């Protein structure tokens, strides 16, 4: 578990680079970013021992990147929908959205509100 925490510390600064792949209209690059986000979501759901660290390091950091929020929230909504209402996946995604919003409350809440309408 200690090594996992070290890996998390190591990868956190590199998350800022994901936005570079979303600015272009290249679908292949956007799909890679979506795949990375899906893996991070899976890690968030499965790694119960690291849950607080993942929330703070990964999602708190990604919440500060305005240009990436649409892609992140789309992944959250997709994961929540596949889990179903009241599922563990949906509950973890709701909790993770709060961690994501800690970096930019107004923007995240506006995007969540409009995507659910």
Protein backbone atom coordinates (compact mmCIF):
# COMPACT_ATOMS: atom_id res chain seq x y z
CA UNK A 1 0.00 0.00 0.00
CA UNK A 2 2.91 2.35 0.68
CA UNK A 3 4.19 1.92 -2.86
CA UNK A 4 0.73 2.64 -4.24
CA UNK A 5 0.69 5.90 -2.32
CA UNK A 6 4.11 6.79 -3.71
CA UNK A 7 2.89 6.07 -7.25
CA UNK A 8 -0.09 8.31 -6.61
CA UNK A 9 2.21 11.10 -5.44
CA UNK A 10 4.38 10.63 -8.52
CA UNK A 11 1.55 10.71 -11.05
CA UNK A 12 -0.41 13.66 -9.62
CA UNK A 13 1.69 16.43 -11.25
CA UNK A 14 1.44 14.67 -14.62
CA UNK A 15 -2.36 14.87 -14.63
CA UNK A 16 -2.12 18.48 -15.78
CA UNK A 17 -0.82 17.21 -19.12
CA UNK A 18 -4.09 15.44 -19.95
CA UNK A 19 -5.63 18.71 -21.05
CA UNK A 20 -3.15 18.94 -23.93
CA UNK A 21 -4.80 15.93 -25.54
CA UNK A 22 -8.33 17.31 -25.20
CA UNK A 23 -7.76 20.67 -26.87
CA UNK A 24 -7.43 19.21 -30.34
CA UNK A 25 -10.20 17.74 -32.44
CA UNK A 26 -8.35 14.44 -32.62
CA UNK A 27 -10.79 11.74 -31.49
CA UNK A 28 -8.04 9.18 -30.93
CA UNK A 29 -6.36 11.45 -28.37
CA UNK A 30 -9.66 12.20 -26.65
CA UNK A 31 -10.39 8.49 -26.45
CA UNK A 32 -7.01 7.92 -24.78
CA UNK A 33 -7.82 10.56 -22.19
CA UNK A 34 -11.22 8.95 -21.63
CA UNK A 35 -9.54 5.56 -21.22
CA UNK A 36 -7.15 7.03 -18.63
CA UNK A 37 -10.06 8.63 -16.77
CA UNK A 38 -11.96 5.32 -16.84
CA UNK A 39 -8.95 3.58 -15.28
CA UNK A 40 -8.72 6.27 -12.60
CA UNK A 41 -12.44 5.86 -11.91
CA UNK A 42 -12.03 2.09 -11.63
CA UNK A 43 -9.12 2.61 -9.24
CA UNK A 44 -11.26 5.00 -7.18
CA UNK A 45 -14.02 2.41 -6.90
CA UNK A 46 -11.78 -0.61 -6.22
CA UNK A 47 -8.98 0.76 -4.01
CA UNK A 48 -10.85 1.21 -0.75
CA UNK A 49 -7.68 1.63 1.32
CA UNK A 50 -6.52 4.51 -0.86
CA UNK A 51 -9.91 6.16 -1.28
CA UNK A 52 -9.16 9.38 0.66
CA UNK A 53 -5.80 9.83 -1.07
CA UNK A 54 -7.26 9.24 -4.51
CA UNK A 55 -10.03 11.74 -3.85
CA UNK A 56 -7.60 14.42 -2.73
CA UNK A 57 -4.69 13.82 -5.10
CA UNK A 58 -6.39 12.77 -8.32
CA UNK A 59 -9.84 14.30 -8.35
CA UNK A 60 -8.99 17.41 -6.37
CA UNK A 61 -6.20 18.10 -8.87
CA UNK A 62 -8.33 17.36 -11.94
CA UNK A 63 -11.06 19.65 -10.61
CA UNK A 64 -8.72 22.59 -11.02
CA UNK A 65 -8.29 21.97 -14.76
CA UNK A 66 -11.24 23.79 -16.30
CA UNK A 67 -10.67 22.54 -19.85
CA UNK A 68 -10.85 18.92 -18.70
CA UNK A 69 -14.03 19.08 -16.61
CA UNK A 70 -16.43 18.22 -19.44
CA UNK A 71 -14.58 15.01 -20.26
CA UNK A 72 -14.26 14.07 -16.58
CA UNK A 73 -17.93 14.68 -15.83
CA UNK A 74 -18.99 12.73 -18.92
CA UNK A 75 -16.97 9.78 -17.62
CA UNK A 76 -18.56 10.15 -14.17
CA UNK A 77 -22.06 10.18 -15.63
CA UNK A 78 -21.35 7.19 -17.88
CA UNK A 79 -19.98 5.19 -14.94
CA UNK A 80 -22.90 6.16 -12.71
CA UNK A 81 -25.40 5.18 -15.39
CA UNK A 82 -23.81 1.77 -15.95
CA UNK A 83 -23.96 1.10 -12.21
CA UNK A 84 -27.55 2.19 -11.85
CA UNK A 85 -29.34 4.38 -9.35
CA UNK A 86 -28.19 3.74 -5.78
CA UNK A 87 -25.34 1.44 -6.83
CA UNK A 88 -21.86 1.56 -5.32
CA UNK A 89 -20.55 3.03 -8.57
CA UNK A 90 -23.12 5.82 -8.53
CA UNK A 91 -22.45 6.61 -4.88
CA UNK A 92 -18.67 6.69 -5.38
CA UNK A 93 -19.09 8.94 -8.42
CA UNK A 94 -21.32 11.31 -6.44
CA UNK A 95 -18.72 11.45 -3.67
CA UNK A 96 -15.95 11.90 -6.22
CA UNK A 97 -17.84 14.76 -7.88
CA UNK A 98 -17.67 16.54 -4.52
CA UNK A 99 -13.89 16.04 -4.45
CA UNK A 100 -13.72 17.25 -8.05
CA UNK A 101 -15.73 20.34 -7.15
CA UNK A 102 -13.36 21.22 -4.32
CA UNK A 103 -11.06 22.69 -6.96
CA UNK A 104 -13.74 24.71 -8.77
CA UNK A 105 -17.14 24.60 -7.05
CA UNK A 106 -19.12 26.96 -9.26
CA UNK A 107 -17.99 25.52 -12.58
CA UNK A 108 -18.50 21.88 -11.59
CA UNK A 109 -21.93 22.53 -10.07
CA UNK A 110 -23.05 24.40 -13.21
CA UNK A 111 -21.88 21.60 -15.47
CA UNK A 112 -23.52 18.90 -13.33
CA UNK A 113 -26.77 20.86 -13.17
CA UNK A 114 -26.97 21.38 -16.94
CA UNK A 115 -25.93 17.82 -17.81
CA UNK A 116 -28.74 16.37 -15.71
CA UNK A 117 -31.45 18.53 -17.27
